[in-house]
Amino acid sequence: MSEHLIITPEDTNKPTRPLREAMWRGFKCKCPNCGSGRLFSSYLSTVDRCERCDQEMHHHRADDLPAYLVIFVVGHIVVGAFMGVEASVTLSSWQHLAIWVPVTIVSALALLKPTKGAVVGLQWALYMHGFGGNGDTLETHPESE
């Protein structure tokens, strides 16, 4: 008999939070709740709690999702731009390296913090990872036959 892990909410009667607005506030590196407090205390470390609305942020778990999203977006942009330049201009390998390595690094670093903010906003809006007032609950349910 196999078992499935199901994450169940503690309270299903919680009010709906504005997903798009919370993600946009997070993308702007602001608190997803109030939109005015700082979300980050340093480059990628979130504040323990919002200085304006006192919303706790210490328990978020963005993990690797922001990095994967940034790699996906930057990779498509840089590869597309590289192919466009390669089709129109003849450059040596060293010239391409001199152009595309810095573009890739700067783009990835510029997008990483806002992307992490948007993921924290997503988690807040969906009451994930402690933003609902309770920790995640893991329950195992046997598969019905």
N, C-alpha and C. Protein backbone atom coordinates (compact mmCIF):
# COMPACT_ATOMS: atom_id res chain seq x y z
N MET A 1 0.84 -1.17 0.00
CA MET A 1 0.00 0.00 0.00
C MET A 1 0.90 1.24 0.00
N SER A 2 0.69 2.15 -0.94
CA SER A 2 1.51 3.36 -0.99
C SER A 2 0.81 4.49 -0.24
N GLU A 3 1.59 5.44 0.21
CA GLU A 3 1.05 6.58 0.95
C GLU A 3 1.42 7.86 0.22
N HIS A 4 0.54 8.86 0.29
CA HIS A 4 0.77 10.17 -0.32
C HIS A 4 0.94 11.19 0.80
N LEU A 5 1.86 12.10 0.62
CA LEU A 5 1.99 13.22 1.55
C LEU A 5 1.06 14.33 1.08
N ILE A 6 0.20 14.77 1.95
CA ILE A 6 -0.73 15.83 1.61
C ILE A 6 -0.55 16.94 2.63
N ILE A 7 -0.33 18.16 2.15
CA ILE A 7 -0.23 19.30 3.04
C ILE A 7 -1.63 19.88 3.17
N THR A 8 -2.13 19.91 4.38
CA THR A 8 -3.49 20.40 4.62
C THR A 8 -3.44 21.69 5.41
N PRO A 9 -4.29 22.66 5.07
CA PRO A 9 -4.31 23.91 5.84
C PRO A 9 -4.93 23.69 7.21
N GLU A 10 -4.44 24.44 8.18
CA GLU A 10 -4.97 24.35 9.54
C GLU A 10 -6.39 24.92 9.60
N ASP A 11 -6.61 26.02 8.87
CA ASP A 11 -7.90 26.70 8.92
C ASP A 11 -8.27 27.08 7.50
N THR A 12 -9.32 26.47 6.96
CA THR A 12 -9.72 26.76 5.59
C THR A 12 -10.64 27.97 5.49
N ASN A 13 -10.99 28.59 6.61
CA ASN A 13 -11.88 29.75 6.60
C ASN A 13 -11.13 31.07 6.65
N LYS A 14 -9.88 31.07 6.27
CA LYS A 14 -9.09 32.31 6.29
C LYS A 14 -9.48 33.18 5.10
N PRO A 15 -9.41 34.50 5.28
CA PRO A 15 -9.76 35.39 4.16
C PRO A 15 -8.74 35.27 3.02
N THR A 16 -9.21 35.47 1.81
CA THR A 16 -8.34 35.43 0.64
C THR A 16 -7.43 36.65 0.63
N ARG A 17 -6.17 36.41 0.39
CA ARG A 17 -5.21 37.51 0.28
C ARG A 17 -4.96 37.78 -1.20
N PRO A 18 -4.71 39.05 -1.56
CA PRO A 18 -4.53 39.39 -2.97
C PRO A 18 -3.19 38.86 -3.52
N LEU A 19 -3.25 37.82 -4.32
CA LEU A 19 -2.05 37.16 -4.82
C LEU A 19 -1.20 38.07 -5.69
N ARG A 20 -1.78 38.66 -6.71
CA ARG A 20 -1.02 39.50 -7.65
C ARG A 20 -0.39 40.70 -6.93
N GLU A 21 -1.17 41.33 -6.08
CA GLU A 21 -0.66 42.49 -5.34
C GLU A 21 0.47 42.10 -4.39
N ALA A 22 0.32 40.97 -3.72
CA ALA A 22 1.36 40.50 -2.79
C ALA A 22 2.65 40.16 -3.54
N MET A 23 2.52 39.52 -4.69
CA MET A 23 3.72 39.19 -5.48
C MET A 23 4.37 40.45 -6.04
N TRP A 24 3.56 41.43 -6.47
CA TRP A 24 4.13 42.68 -6.98
C TRP A 24 4.84 43.45 -5.87
N ARG A 25 4.25 43.48 -4.69
CA ARG A 25 4.91 44.14 -3.56
C ARG A 25 6.22 43.44 -3.23
N GLY A 26 6.21 42.11 -3.22
CA GLY A 26 7.43 41.36 -2.98
C GLY A 26 8.47 41.61 -4.05
N PHE A 27 8.04 41.68 -5.31
CA PHE A 27 8.96 41.95 -6.41
C PHE A 27 9.63 43.31 -6.24
N LYS A 28 8.91 44.27 -5.66
CA LYS A 28 9.47 45.59 -5.38
C LYS A 28 10.26 45.60 -4.08
N CYS A 29 10.45 44.41 -3.47
CA CYS A 29 11.21 44.23 -2.23
C CYS A 29 10.54 44.94 -1.04
N LYS A 30 9.22 44.94 -1.06
CA LYS A 30 8.43 45.51 0.02
C LYS A 30 7.64 44.40 0.70
N CYS A 31 7.16 44.67 1.87
CA CYS A 31 6.35 43.71 2.62
C CYS A 31 5.10 43.34 1.81
N PRO A 32 4.82 42.06 1.64
CA PRO A 32 3.63 41.67 0.87
C PRO A 32 2.32 42.02 1.56
N ASN A 33 2.35 42.26 2.86
CA ASN A 33 1.14 42.60 3.60
C ASN A 33 0.79 44.07 3.46
N CYS A 34 1.72 44.96 3.82
CA CYS A 34 1.41 46.39 3.82
C CYS A 34 1.94 47.14 2.61
N GLY A 35 2.98 46.62 1.98
CA GLY A 35 3.54 47.26 0.80
C GLY A 35 4.45 48.43 1.07
N SER A 36 4.73 48.73 2.34
CA SER A 36 5.60 49.87 2.62
C SER A 36 6.86 49.50 3.41
N GLY A 37 6.82 48.45 4.18
CA GLY A 37 8.00 48.04 4.94
C GLY A 37 9.00 47.29 4.07
N ARG A 38 10.27 47.31 4.49
CA ARG A 38 11.31 46.59 3.76
C ARG A 38 11.12 45.09 3.92
N LEU A 39 11.39 44.34 2.84
CA LEU A 39 11.29 42.89 2.90
C LEU A 39 12.64 42.26 3.20
N PHE A 40 13.73 42.92 2.81
CA PHE A 40 15.06 42.35 2.96
C PHE A 40 15.91 43.19 3.89
N SER A 41 16.70 42.50 4.73
CA SER A 41 17.64 43.20 5.60
C SER A 41 19.02 43.30 4.96
N SER A 42 19.29 42.40 4.03
CA SER A 42 20.52 42.45 3.22
C SER A 42 20.15 41.93 1.84
N TYR A 43 21.14 41.55 1.05
CA TYR A 43 20.86 41.20 -0.35
C TYR A 43 19.76 40.15 -0.49
N LEU A 44 19.86 39.01 0.19
CA LEU A 44 18.84 37.97 0.08
C LEU A 44 18.26 37.52 1.41
N SER A 45 18.61 38.18 2.50
CA SER A 45 18.07 37.82 3.82
C SER A 45 16.84 38.66 4.12
N THR A 46 15.73 37.99 4.40
CA THR A 46 14.52 38.73 4.73
C THR A 46 14.60 39.24 6.16
N VAL A 47 13.83 40.28 6.41
CA VAL A 47 13.75 40.81 7.77
C VAL A 47 12.98 39.81 8.63
N ASP A 48 13.19 39.87 9.94
CA ASP A 48 12.45 38.97 10.84
C ASP A 48 10.98 39.33 10.87
N ARG A 49 10.70 40.62 10.85
CA ARG A 49 9.31 41.09 10.82
C ARG A 49 9.29 42.46 10.17
N CYS A 50 8.15 42.80 9.59
CA CYS A 50 8.01 44.09 8.89
C CYS A 50 8.06 45.23 9.91
N GLU A 51 8.79 46.27 9.56
CA GLU A 51 8.93 47.42 10.45
C GLU A 51 7.65 48.26 10.51
N ARG A 52 6.76 48.11 9.53
CA ARG A 52 5.53 48.92 9.48
C ARG A 52 4.32 48.19 10.06
N CYS A 53 4.08 46.96 9.59
CA CYS A 53 2.84 46.26 9.99
C CYS A 53 3.10 45.09 10.94
N ASP A 54 4.35 44.82 11.27
CA ASP A 54 4.74 43.78 12.22
C ASP A 54 4.47 42.35 11.72
N GLN A 55 4.29 42.19 10.40
CA GLN A 55 4.11 40.85 9.82
C GLN A 55 5.41 40.07 9.94
N GLU A 56 5.35 38.87 10.49
CA GLU A 56 6.55 38.05 10.63
C GLU A 56 6.99 37.52 9.26
N MET A 57 8.30 37.58 8.99
CA MET A 57 8.85 37.09 7.72
C MET A 57 9.92 36.04 7.94
N HIS A 58 10.30 35.79 9.19
CA HIS A 58 11.44 34.93 9.47
C HIS A 58 11.22 33.48 9.07
N HIS A 59 9.99 33.04 8.92
CA HIS A 59 9.72 31.62 8.68
C HIS A 59 9.54 31.26 7.21
N HIS A 60 9.68 32.22 6.30
CA HIS A 60 9.48 31.90 4.88
C HIS A 60 10.53 30.88 4.42
N ARG A 61 10.18 30.12 3.39
CA ARG A 61 11.10 29.15 2.82
C ARG A 61 11.04 29.23 1.31
N ALA A 62 11.76 30.17 0.74
CA ALA A 62 11.77 30.29 -0.72
C ALA A 62 12.65 29.22 -1.35
N ASP A 63 13.61 28.72 -0.59
CA ASP A 63 14.53 27.67 -1.04
C ASP A 63 15.15 28.03 -2.38
N ASP A 64 15.11 27.13 -3.35
CA ASP A 64 15.80 27.34 -4.63
C ASP A 64 14.89 27.84 -5.74
N LEU A 65 13.60 28.01 -5.49
CA LEU A 65 12.69 28.43 -6.55
C LEU A 65 13.11 29.74 -7.21
N PRO A 66 13.47 30.80 -6.46
CA PRO A 66 13.89 32.03 -7.12
C PRO A 66 15.09 31.83 -8.06
N ALA A 67 16.05 31.05 -7.63
CA ALA A 67 17.23 30.81 -8.48
C ALA A 67 16.85 30.07 -9.75
N TYR A 68 15.99 29.05 -9.64
CA TYR A 68 15.55 28.32 -10.83
C TYR A 68 14.80 29.24 -11.79
N LEU A 69 13.93 30.08 -11.27
CA LEU A 69 13.19 31.01 -12.14
C LEU A 69 14.12 32.00 -12.83
N VAL A 70 15.10 32.51 -12.09
CA VAL A 70 16.06 33.45 -12.67
C VAL A 70 16.89 32.77 -13.76
N ILE A 71 17.34 31.56 -13.51
CA ILE A 71 18.11 30.82 -14.52
C ILE A 71 17.27 30.63 -15.77
N PHE A 72 16.00 30.28 -15.59
CA PHE A 72 15.11 30.05 -16.72
C PHE A 72 14.94 31.33 -17.55
N VAL A 73 14.64 32.44 -16.90
CA VAL A 73 14.38 33.70 -17.60
C VAL A 73 15.66 34.24 -18.23
N VAL A 74 16.72 34.35 -17.45
CA VAL A 74 17.97 34.91 -17.97
C VAL A 74 18.54 34.02 -19.07
N GLY A 75 18.45 32.72 -18.90
CA GLY A 75 18.93 31.81 -19.93
C GLY A 75 18.24 32.02 -21.26
N HIS A 76 16.92 32.15 -21.24
CA HIS A 76 16.20 32.37 -22.48
C HIS A 76 16.54 33.72 -23.12
N ILE A 77 16.65 34.74 -22.31
CA ILE A 77 16.96 36.07 -22.84
C ILE A 77 18.38 36.09 -23.42
N VAL A 78 19.34 35.59 -22.67
CA VAL A 78 20.74 35.64 -23.12
C VAL A 78 20.97 34.75 -24.34
N VAL A 79 20.41 33.56 -24.34
CA VAL A 79 20.59 32.67 -25.50
C VAL A 79 19.92 33.26 -26.73
N GLY A 80 18.72 33.83 -26.56
CA GLY A 80 18.06 34.48 -27.70
C GLY A 80 18.85 35.66 -28.22
N ALA A 81 19.36 36.48 -27.32
CA ALA A 81 20.16 37.64 -27.74
C ALA A 81 21.47 37.18 -28.40
N PHE A 82 22.10 36.16 -27.83
CA PHE A 82 23.33 35.62 -28.42
C PHE A 82 23.07 35.12 -29.84
N MET A 83 22.00 34.38 -30.02
CA MET A 83 21.70 33.85 -31.36
C MET A 83 21.39 34.97 -32.35
N GLY A 84 20.71 36.01 -31.89
CA GLY A 84 20.42 37.15 -32.75
C GLY A 84 21.68 37.89 -33.16
N VAL A 85 22.58 38.11 -32.21
CA VAL A 85 23.85 38.77 -32.52
C VAL A 85 24.70 37.89 -33.43
N GLU A 86 24.74 36.61 -33.16
CA GLU A 86 25.54 35.68 -33.96
C GLU A 86 25.04 35.62 -35.41
N ALA A 87 23.73 35.75 -35.60
CA ALA A 87 23.16 35.71 -36.94
C ALA A 87 23.43 36.98 -37.73
N SER A 88 23.63 38.09 -37.03
CA SER A 88 23.79 39.36 -37.74
C SER A 88 25.22 39.88 -37.78
N VAL A 89 26.05 39.47 -36.85
CA VAL A 89 27.42 39.98 -36.77
C VAL A 89 28.37 38.81 -36.55
N THR A 90 29.54 38.88 -37.13
CA THR A 90 30.55 37.84 -36.92
C THR A 90 31.51 38.31 -35.83
N LEU A 91 31.49 37.60 -34.70
CA LEU A 91 32.37 37.92 -33.58
C LEU A 91 33.17 36.68 -33.22
N SER A 92 34.34 36.89 -32.65
CA SER A 92 35.16 35.76 -32.20
C SER A 92 34.58 35.22 -30.89
N SER A 93 35.07 34.07 -30.50
CA SER A 93 34.61 33.47 -29.24
C SER A 93 34.93 34.36 -28.05
N TRP A 94 36.10 34.98 -28.06
CA TRP A 94 36.49 35.85 -26.96
C TRP A 94 35.59 37.08 -26.87
N GLN A 95 35.19 37.60 -28.02
CA GLN A 95 34.28 38.74 -28.00
C GLN A 95 32.91 38.34 -27.43
N HIS A 96 32.45 37.17 -27.83
CA HIS A 96 31.19 36.70 -27.27
C HIS A 96 31.29 36.51 -25.76
N LEU A 97 32.39 35.91 -25.30
CA LEU A 97 32.58 35.74 -23.86
C LEU A 97 32.61 37.08 -23.14
N ALA A 98 33.28 38.06 -23.74
CA ALA A 98 33.38 39.39 -23.12
C ALA A 98 32.02 40.07 -23.04
N ILE A 99 31.12 39.73 -23.93
CA ILE A 99 29.78 40.33 -23.92
C ILE A 99 28.82 39.54 -23.03
N TRP A 100 28.71 38.23 -23.26
CA TRP A 100 27.62 37.45 -22.68
C TRP A 100 27.85 37.00 -21.25
N VAL A 101 29.08 36.81 -20.84
CA VAL A 101 29.32 36.43 -19.44
C VAL A 101 28.92 37.57 -18.49
N PRO A 102 29.38 38.81 -18.73
CA PRO A 102 28.94 39.89 -17.84
C PRO A 102 27.43 40.16 -17.91
N VAL A 103 26.85 40.06 -19.11
CA VAL A 103 25.40 40.28 -19.25
C VAL A 103 24.64 39.23 -18.43
N THR A 104 25.09 38.00 -18.48
CA THR A 104 24.43 36.92 -17.74
C THR A 104 24.56 37.14 -16.24
N ILE A 105 25.75 37.45 -15.77
CA ILE A 105 25.97 37.63 -14.34
C ILE A 105 25.18 38.83 -13.80
N VAL A 106 25.26 39.96 -14.48
CA VAL A 106 24.55 41.16 -14.03
C VAL A 106 23.04 40.94 -14.05
N SER A 107 22.54 40.31 -15.11
CA SER A 107 21.10 40.05 -15.21
C SER A 107 20.63 39.13 -14.09
N ALA A 108 21.37 38.08 -13.84
CA ALA A 108 20.98 37.12 -12.79
C ALA A 108 20.99 37.79 -11.42
N LEU A 109 22.02 38.56 -11.13
CA LEU A 109 22.10 39.23 -9.84
C LEU A 109 21.02 40.30 -9.69
N ALA A 110 20.68 40.96 -10.78
CA ALA A 110 19.65 42.00 -10.72
C ALA A 110 18.26 41.41 -10.52
N LEU A 111 18.00 40.22 -11.06
CA LEU A 111 16.67 39.61 -10.95
C LEU A 111 16.48 38.74 -9.72
N LEU A 112 17.55 38.31 -9.08
CA LEU A 112 17.42 37.34 -8.00
C LEU A 112 16.65 37.89 -6.80
N LYS A 113 16.97 39.09 -6.35
CA LYS A 113 16.31 39.66 -5.17
C LYS A 113 14.82 39.94 -5.44
N PRO A 114 14.46 40.59 -6.55
CA PRO A 114 13.03 40.79 -6.81
C PRO A 114 12.26 39.48 -6.99
N THR A 115 12.90 38.49 -7.59
CA THR A 115 12.24 37.20 -7.78
C THR A 115 12.01 36.52 -6.44
N LYS A 116 12.98 36.59 -5.55
CA LYS A 116 12.79 36.02 -4.22
C LYS A 116 11.68 36.76 -3.48
N GLY A 117 11.61 38.07 -3.64
CA GLY A 117 10.54 38.84 -3.03
C GLY A 117 9.18 38.42 -3.54
N ALA A 118 9.07 38.17 -4.84
CA ALA A 118 7.80 37.72 -5.42
C ALA A 118 7.41 36.35 -4.89
N VAL A 119 8.38 35.46 -4.70
CA VAL A 119 8.10 34.13 -4.14
C VAL A 119 7.64 34.25 -2.69
N VAL A 120 8.26 35.13 -1.92
CA VAL A 120 7.81 35.35 -0.53
C VAL A 120 6.39 35.92 -0.55
N GLY A 121 6.10 36.83 -1.48
CA GLY A 121 4.74 37.36 -1.61
C GLY A 121 3.73 36.28 -1.97
N LEU A 122 4.12 35.37 -2.84
CA LEU A 122 3.27 34.23 -3.19
C LEU A 122 2.99 33.37 -1.97
N GLN A 123 4.03 33.08 -1.21
CA GLN A 123 3.87 32.27 0.00
C GLN A 123 2.95 32.97 1.00
N TRP A 124 3.13 34.27 1.15
CA TRP A 124 2.29 35.02 2.10
C TRP A 124 0.83 34.98 1.66
N ALA A 125 0.57 35.23 0.38
CA ALA A 125 -0.80 35.29 -0.13
C ALA A 125 -1.51 33.95 -0.01
N LEU A 126 -0.77 32.86 -0.12
CA LEU A 126 -1.37 31.52 -0.07
C LEU A 126 -1.25 30.87 1.30
N TYR A 127 -0.85 31.64 2.32
CA TYR A 127 -0.71 31.14 3.69
C TYR A 127 0.26 29.97 3.77
N MET A 128 1.32 30.01 3.02
CA MET A 128 2.28 28.91 3.00
C MET A 128 3.41 29.14 4.01
N HIS A 129 3.98 28.08 4.51
CA HIS A 129 5.21 28.07 5.30
C HIS A 129 5.17 29.01 6.50
N GLY A 130 4.11 28.94 7.28
CA GLY A 130 4.03 29.72 8.50
C GLY A 130 3.32 31.04 8.37
N PHE A 131 3.03 31.51 7.15
CA PHE A 131 2.36 32.80 6.99
C PHE A 131 0.88 32.74 7.39
N GLY A 132 0.37 31.57 7.65
CA GLY A 132 -1.01 31.43 8.08
C GLY A 132 -1.16 31.41 9.59
N GLY A 133 -0.08 31.59 10.31
CA GLY A 133 -0.14 31.57 11.76
C GLY A 133 0.21 30.22 12.34
N ASN A 134 0.27 29.21 11.50
CA ASN A 134 0.61 27.86 11.94
C ASN A 134 1.67 27.30 10.99
N GLY A 135 2.41 26.34 11.48
CA GLY A 135 3.38 25.69 10.62
C GLY A 135 2.69 24.76 9.64
N ASP A 136 3.43 24.29 8.64
CA ASP A 136 2.87 23.33 7.70
C ASP A 136 2.60 22.02 8.41
N THR A 137 1.51 21.39 8.07
CA THR A 137 1.15 20.11 8.66
C THR A 137 1.28 19.05 7.59
N LEU A 138 2.05 18.02 7.86
CA LEU A 138 2.19 16.92 6.94
C LEU A 138 1.41 15.74 7.48
N GLU A 139 0.48 15.25 6.71
CA GLU A 139 -0.29 14.09 7.10
C GLU A 139 -0.15 13.04 6.03
N THR A 140 -0.08 11.79 6.44
CA THR A 140 -0.03 10.71 5.45
C THR A 140 -1.39 10.06 5.39
N HIS A 141 -1.86 9.86 4.20
CA HIS A 141 -3.14 9.20 3.98
C HIS A 141 -2.92 7.97 3.12
N PRO A 142 -3.35 6.82 3.59
CA PRO A 142 -3.20 5.63 2.77
C PRO A 142 -4.08 5.74 1.53
N GLU A 143 -3.56 5.25 0.43
CA GLU A 143 -4.30 5.30 -0.82
C GLU A 143 -5.49 4.33 -0.75
N SER A 144 -6.67 4.83 -1.09
CA SER A 144 -7.83 3.95 -1.06
C SER A 144 -7.83 3.06 -2.30
N GLU A 145 -8.22 1.84 -2.08
CA GLU A 145 -8.16 0.87 -3.17
C GLU A 145 -9.50 0.70 -3.83
